[in-house]
């Protein structure tokens, strides 16, 4: 498990949530969409790290 990758993903998720809310509040659909994209990216990183963990467990 790469704790560093998980921390980066969590930070990206938080950044995305903030950007999405700001986009909603200001009526800026581009900011909202970019925020949602960052959240999806962060989720993808978490999925990859979970898969890596499962593979390591299976090989142990």
PDB file of N, CA and C in Angstrom:
ATOM      1  N   UNK A   1       0.843  -1.184   0.000  1.00  0.00           N
ATOM      2  CA  UNK A   1       0.000   0.000   0.000  1.00  0.00           C
ATOM      3  C   UNK A   1       0.878   1.234   0.000  1.00  0.00           C
ATOM      4  N   UNK A   2       0.593   2.117  -0.891  1.00  0.00           N
ATOM      5  CA  UNK A   2       1.345   3.361  -0.950  1.00  0.00           C
ATOM      6  C   UNK A   2       0.555   4.443  -0.216  1.00  0.00           C
ATOM      7  N   UNK A   3       0.974   4.703   1.000  1.00  0.00           N
ATOM      8  CA  UNK A   3       0.285   5.714   1.804  1.00  0.00           C
ATOM      9  C   UNK A   3       0.372   7.082   1.138  1.00  0.00           C
ATOM     10  N   UNK A   4       1.501   7.328   0.492  1.00  0.00           N
ATOM     11  CA  UNK A   4       1.684   8.620  -0.171  1.00  0.00           C
ATOM     12  C   UNK A   4       0.651   8.817  -1.284  1.00  0.00           C
ATOM     13  N   UNK A   5       0.429   7.769  -2.072  1.00  0.00           N
ATOM     14  CA  UNK A   5      -0.565   7.840  -3.159  1.00  0.00           C
ATOM     15  C   UNK A   5      -1.966   8.060  -2.590  1.00  0.00           C
ATOM     16  N   UNK A   6      -2.269   7.373  -1.487  1.00  0.00           N
ATOM     17  CA  UNK A   6      -3.599   7.521  -0.876  1.00  0.00           C
ATOM     18  C   UNK A   6      -3.804   8.937  -0.333  1.00  0.00           C
ATOM     19  N   UNK A   7      -2.757   9.493   0.256  1.00  0.00           N
ATOM     20  CA  UNK A   7      -2.839  10.866   0.775  1.00  0.00           C
ATOM     21  C   UNK A   7      -3.058  11.841  -0.371  1.00  0.00           C
ATOM     22  N   UNK A   8      -2.312  11.656  -1.468  1.00  0.00           N
ATOM     23  CA  UNK A   8      -2.482  12.519  -2.634  1.00  0.00           C
ATOM     24  C   UNK A   8      -3.901  12.406  -3.191  1.00  0.00           C
ATOM     25  N   UNK A   9      -4.419  11.191  -3.249  1.00  0.00           N
ATOM     26  CA  UNK A   9      -5.772  10.974  -3.767  1.00  0.00           C
ATOM     27  C   UNK A   9      -6.814  11.636  -2.867  1.00  0.00           C
ATOM     28  N   UNK A  10      -6.617  11.524  -1.564  1.00  0.00           N
ATOM     29  CA  UNK A  10      -7.560  12.146  -0.629  1.00  0.00           C
ATOM     30  C   UNK A  10      -7.519  13.663  -0.764  1.00  0.00           C
ATOM     31  N   UNK A  11      -6.325  14.222  -0.906  1.00  0.00           N
ATOM     32  CA  UNK A  11      -6.197  15.668  -1.091  1.00  0.00           C
ATOM     33  C   UNK A  11      -6.872  16.100  -2.390  1.00  0.00           C
ATOM     34  N   UNK A  12      -6.696  15.329  -3.460  1.00  0.00           N
ATOM     35  CA  UNK A  12      -7.313  15.645  -4.746  1.00  0.00           C
ATOM     36  C   UNK A  12      -8.833  15.567  -4.629  1.00  0.00           C
ATOM     37  N   UNK A  13      -9.334  14.601  -3.869  1.00  0.00           N
ATOM     38  CA  UNK A  13     -10.776  14.461  -3.660  1.00  0.00           C
ATOM     39  C   UNK A  13     -11.337  15.684  -2.938  1.00  0.00           C
ATOM     40  N   UNK A  14     -10.657  16.106  -1.891  1.00  0.00           N
ATOM     41  CA  UNK A  14     -11.103  17.280  -1.132  1.00  0.00           C
ATOM     42  C   UNK A  14     -11.064  18.523  -2.019  1.00  0.00           C
ATOM     43  N   UNK A  15      -9.979  18.671  -2.770  1.00  0.00           N
ATOM     44  CA  UNK A  15      -9.858  19.800  -3.687  1.00  0.00           C
ATOM     45  C   UNK A  15     -11.008  19.792  -4.697  1.00  0.00           C
ATOM     46  N   UNK A  16     -11.330  18.612  -5.208  1.00  0.00           N
ATOM     47  CA  UNK A  16     -12.426  18.485  -6.167  1.00  0.00           C
ATOM     48  C   UNK A  16     -13.769  18.836  -5.567  1.00  0.00           C
ATOM     49  N   UNK A  17     -13.996  18.401  -4.331  1.00  0.00           N
ATOM     50  CA  UNK A  17     -15.267  18.716  -3.664  1.00  0.00           C
ATOM     51  C   UNK A  17     -15.416  20.226  -3.488  1.00  0.00           C
ATOM     52  N   UNK A  18     -14.329  20.869  -3.065  1.00  0.00           N
ATOM     53  CA  UNK A  18     -14.359  22.327  -2.869  1.00  0.00           C
ATOM     54  C   UNK A  18     -14.621  23.024  -4.194  1.00  0.00           C
ATOM     55  N   UNK A  19     -13.909  22.598  -5.237  1.00  0.00           N
ATOM     56  CA  UNK A  19     -14.079  23.220  -6.548  1.00  0.00           C
ATOM     57  C   UNK A  19     -15.497  23.021  -7.070  1.00  0.00           C
ATOM     58  N   UNK A  20     -16.061  21.848  -6.835  1.00  0.00           N
ATOM     59  CA  UNK A  20     -17.435  21.587  -7.269  1.00  0.00           C
ATOM     60  C   UNK A  20     -18.414  22.521  -6.557  1.00  0.00           C
ATOM     61  N   UNK A  21     -18.267  22.681  -5.257  1.00  0.00           N
ATOM     62  CA  UNK A  21     -19.166  23.552  -4.485  1.00  0.00           C
ATOM     63  C   UNK A  21     -19.013  25.004  -4.934  1.00  0.00           C
ATOM     64  N   UNK A  22     -17.769  25.432  -5.140  1.00  0.00           N
ATOM     65  CA  UNK A  22     -17.542  26.805  -5.604  1.00  0.00           C
ATOM     66  C   UNK A  22     -18.203  27.005  -6.964  1.00  0.00           C
ATOM     67  N   UNK A  23     -18.089  26.013  -7.826  1.00  0.00           N
ATOM     68  CA  UNK A  23     -18.737  26.097  -9.127  1.00  0.00           C
ATOM     69  C   UNK A  23     -20.248  26.203  -9.009  1.00  0.00           C
ATOM     70  N   UNK A  24     -20.813  25.465  -8.069  1.00  0.00           N
ATOM     71  CA  UNK A  24     -22.262  25.543  -7.843  1.00  0.00           C
ATOM     72  C   UNK A  24     -22.664  26.913  -7.321  1.00  0.00           C
ATOM     73  N   UNK A  25     -21.889  27.405  -6.354  1.00  0.00           N
ATOM     74  CA  UNK A  25     -22.226  28.692  -5.736  1.00  0.00           C
ATOM     75  C   UNK A  25     -22.082  29.857  -6.705  1.00  0.00           C
ATOM     76  N   UNK A  26     -21.084  29.795  -7.578  1.00  0.00           N
ATOM     77  CA  UNK A  26     -20.839  30.892  -8.509  1.00  0.00           C
ATOM     78  C   UNK A  26     -21.573  30.699  -9.830  1.00  0.00           C
ATOM     79  N   UNK A  27     -22.175  29.532 -10.021  1.00  0.00           N
ATOM     80  CA  UNK A  27     -22.873  29.262 -11.264  1.00  0.00           C
ATOM     81  C   UNK A  27     -21.928  28.961 -12.415  1.00  0.00           C
ATOM     82  N   UNK A  28     -20.715  28.506 -12.096  1.00  0.00           N
ATOM     83  CA  UNK A  28     -19.716  28.201 -13.111  1.00  0.00           C
ATOM     84  C   UNK A  28     -19.707  26.696 -13.380  1.00  0.00           C
ATOM     85  N   UNK A  29     -20.325  26.277 -14.477  1.00  0.00           N
ATOM     86  CA  UNK A  29     -20.408  24.836 -14.751  1.00  0.00           C
ATOM     87  C   UNK A  29     -19.050  24.201 -15.019  1.00  0.00           C
ATOM     88  N   UNK A  30     -18.091  24.977 -15.543  1.00  0.00           N
ATOM     89  CA  UNK A  30     -16.764  24.430 -15.815  1.00  0.00           C
ATOM     90  C   UNK A  30     -16.055  24.072 -14.511  1.00  0.00           C
ATOM     91  N   UNK A  31     -16.121  24.949 -13.509  1.00  0.00           N
ATOM     92  CA  UNK A  31     -15.520  24.646 -12.206  1.00  0.00           C
ATOM     93  C   UNK A  31     -16.173  23.429 -11.580  1.00  0.00           C
ATOM     94  N   UNK A  32     -17.486  23.361 -11.677  1.00  0.00           N
ATOM     95  CA  UNK A  32     -18.210  22.231 -11.114  1.00  0.00           C
ATOM     96  C   UNK A  32     -17.767  20.929 -11.780  1.00  0.00           C
ATOM     97  N   UNK A  33     -17.678  20.933 -13.106  1.00  0.00           N
ATOM     98  CA  UNK A  33     -17.271  19.735 -13.847  1.00  0.00           C
ATOM     99  C   UNK A  33     -15.827  19.347 -13.533  1.00  0.00           C
ATOM    100  N   UNK A  34     -14.942  20.331 -13.435  1.00  0.00           N
ATOM    101  CA  UNK A  34     -13.545  20.043 -13.105  1.00  0.00           C
ATOM    102  C   UNK A  34     -13.436  19.448 -11.700  1.00  0.00           C
ATOM    103  N   UNK A  35     -14.225  19.947 -10.780  1.00  0.00           N
ATOM    104  CA  UNK A  35     -14.241  19.404  -9.427  1.00  0.00           C
ATOM    105  C   UNK A  35     -14.701  17.958  -9.411  1.00  0.00           C
ATOM    106  N   UNK A  36     -15.726  17.671 -10.177  1.00  0.00           N
ATOM    107  CA  UNK A  36     -16.227  16.299 -10.256  1.00  0.00           C
ATOM    108  C   UNK A  36     -15.193  15.381 -10.903  1.00  0.00           C
ATOM    109  N   UNK A  37     -14.476  15.896 -11.902  1.00  0.00           N
ATOM    110  CA  UNK A  37     -13.434  15.105 -12.569  1.00  0.00           C
ATOM    111  C   UNK A  37     -12.299  14.784 -11.599  1.00  0.00           C
ATOM    112  N   UNK A  38     -11.924  15.739 -10.768  1.00  0.00           N
ATOM    113  CA  UNK A  38     -10.870  15.502  -9.774  1.00  0.00           C
ATOM    114  C   UNK A  38     -11.297  14.432  -8.772  1.00  0.00           C
ATOM    115  N   UNK A  39     -12.564  14.463  -8.397  1.00  0.00           N
ATOM    116  CA  UNK A  39     -13.064  13.460  -7.468  1.00  0.00           C
ATOM    117  C   UNK A  39     -13.039  12.066  -8.105  1.00  0.00           C
ATOM    118  N   UNK A  40     -13.389  11.981  -9.373  1.00  0.00           N
ATOM    119  CA  UNK A  40     -13.367  10.698 -10.079  1.00  0.00           C
ATOM    120  C   UNK A  40     -11.929  10.190 -10.198  1.00  0.00           C
ATOM    121  N   UNK A  41     -11.017  11.096 -10.468  1.00  0.00           N
ATOM    122  CA  UNK A  41      -9.606  10.731 -10.562  1.00  0.00           C
ATOM    123  C   UNK A  41      -9.119  10.174  -9.228  1.00  0.00           C
ATOM    124  N   UNK A  42      -9.475  10.833  -8.155  1.00  0.00           N
ATOM    125  CA  UNK A  42      -9.066  10.383  -6.822  1.00  0.00           C
ATOM    126  C   UNK A  42      -9.635   9.003  -6.522  1.00  0.00           C
ATOM    127  N   UNK A  43     -10.876   8.782  -6.901  1.00  0.00           N
ATOM    128  CA  UNK A  43     -11.495   7.474  -6.679  1.00  0.00           C
ATOM    129  C   UNK A  43     -10.747   6.396  -7.460  1.00  0.00           C
ATOM    130  N   UNK A  44     -10.341   6.715  -8.670  1.00  0.00           N
ATOM    131  CA  UNK A  44      -9.577   5.775  -9.485  1.00  0.00           C
ATOM    132  C   UNK A  44      -8.253   5.401  -8.840  1.00  0.00           C
ATOM    133  N   UNK A  45      -7.584   6.373  -8.255  1.00  0.00           N
ATOM    134  CA  UNK A  45      -6.311   6.113  -7.571  1.00  0.00           C
ATOM    135  C   UNK A  45      -6.536   5.172  -6.395  1.00  0.00           C
ATOM    136  N   UNK A  46      -7.604   5.403  -5.644  1.00  0.00           N
ATOM    137  CA  UNK A  46      -7.911   4.531  -4.509  1.00  0.00           C
ATOM    138  C   UNK A  46      -8.198   3.099  -4.969  1.00  0.00           C
ATOM    139  N   UNK A  47      -8.909   2.959  -6.070  1.00  0.00           N
ATOM    140  CA  UNK A  47      -9.215   1.629  -6.599  1.00  0.00           C
ATOM    141  C   UNK A  47      -7.926   0.902  -6.975  1.00  0.00           C
ATOM    142  N   UNK A  48      -7.024   1.604  -7.655  1.00  0.00           N
ATOM    143  CA  UNK A  48      -5.747   1.002  -8.057  1.00  0.00           C
ATOM    144  C   UNK A  48      -4.956   0.571  -6.830  1.00  0.00           C
ATOM    145  N   UNK A  49      -4.909   1.400  -5.821  1.00  0.00           N
ATOM    146  CA  UNK A  49      -4.169   1.057  -4.605  1.00  0.00           C
ATOM    147  C   UNK A  49      -4.803  -0.136  -3.886  1.00  0.00           C
ATOM    148  N   UNK A  50      -6.132  -0.210  -3.902  1.00  0.00           N
ATOM    149  CA  UNK A  50      -6.814  -1.368  -3.296  1.00  0.00           C
ATOM    150  C   UNK A  50      -6.475  -2.651  -4.041  1.00  0.00           C
ATOM    151  N   UNK A  51      -6.435  -2.573  -5.361  1.00  0.00           N
ATOM    152  CA  UNK A  51      -6.079  -3.745  -6.161  1.00  0.00           C
ATOM    153  C   UNK A  51      -4.648  -4.180  -5.860  1.00  0.00           C
ATOM    154  N   UNK A  52      -3.746  -3.225  -5.773  1.00  0.00           N
ATOM    155  CA  UNK A  52      -2.350  -3.540  -5.439  1.00  0.00           C
ATOM    156  C   UNK A  52      -2.270  -4.248  -4.088  1.00  0.00           C
ATOM    157  N   UNK A  53      -3.033  -3.752  -3.117  1.00  0.00           N
ATOM    158  CA  UNK A  53      -3.039  -4.372  -1.787  1.00  0.00           C
ATOM    159  C   UNK A  53      -3.525  -5.816  -1.860  1.00  0.00           C
ATOM    160  N   UNK A  54      -4.594  -6.044  -2.623  1.00  0.00           N
ATOM    161  CA  UNK A  54      -5.147  -7.394  -2.740  1.00  0.00           C
ATOM    162  C   UNK A  54      -4.153  -8.347  -3.421  1.00  0.00           C
ATOM    163  N   UNK A  55      -3.463  -7.860  -4.417  1.00  0.00           N
ATOM    164  CA  UNK A  55      -2.457  -8.689  -5.105  1.00  0.00           C
ATOM    165  C   UNK A  55      -1.324  -9.037  -4.147  1.00  0.00           C
ATOM    166  N   UNK A  56      -0.883  -8.062  -3.378  1.00  0.00           N
ATOM    167  CA  UNK A  56       0.186  -8.317  -2.403  1.00  0.00           C
ATOM    168  C   UNK A  56      -0.251  -9.362  -1.367  1.00  0.00           C
ATOM    169  N   UNK A  57      -1.501  -9.261  -0.916  1.00  0.00           N
ATOM    170  CA  UNK A  57      -2.020 -10.236   0.042  1.00  0.00           C
ATOM    171  C   UNK A  57      -2.068 -11.629  -0.567  1.00  0.00           C
ATOM    172  N   UNK A  58      -2.506 -11.695  -1.805  1.00  0.00           N
ATOM    173  CA  UNK A  58      -2.627 -13.001  -2.474  1.00  0.00           C
ATOM    174  C   UNK A  58      -1.270 -13.644  -2.692  1.00  0.00           C
ATOM    175  N   UNK A  59      -0.248 -12.850  -2.911  1.00  0.00           N
ATOM    176  CA  UNK A  59       1.094 -13.377  -3.155  1.00  0.00           C
ATOM    177  C   UNK A  59       1.851 -13.713  -1.871  1.00  0.00           C
ATOM    178  N   UNK A  60       1.327 -13.268  -0.764  1.00  0.00           N
ATOM    179  CA  UNK A  60       2.008 -13.505   0.523  1.00  0.00           C
ATOM    180  C   UNK A  60       1.764 -14.887   1.051  1.00  0.00           C
TER     181      UNK A  60
END
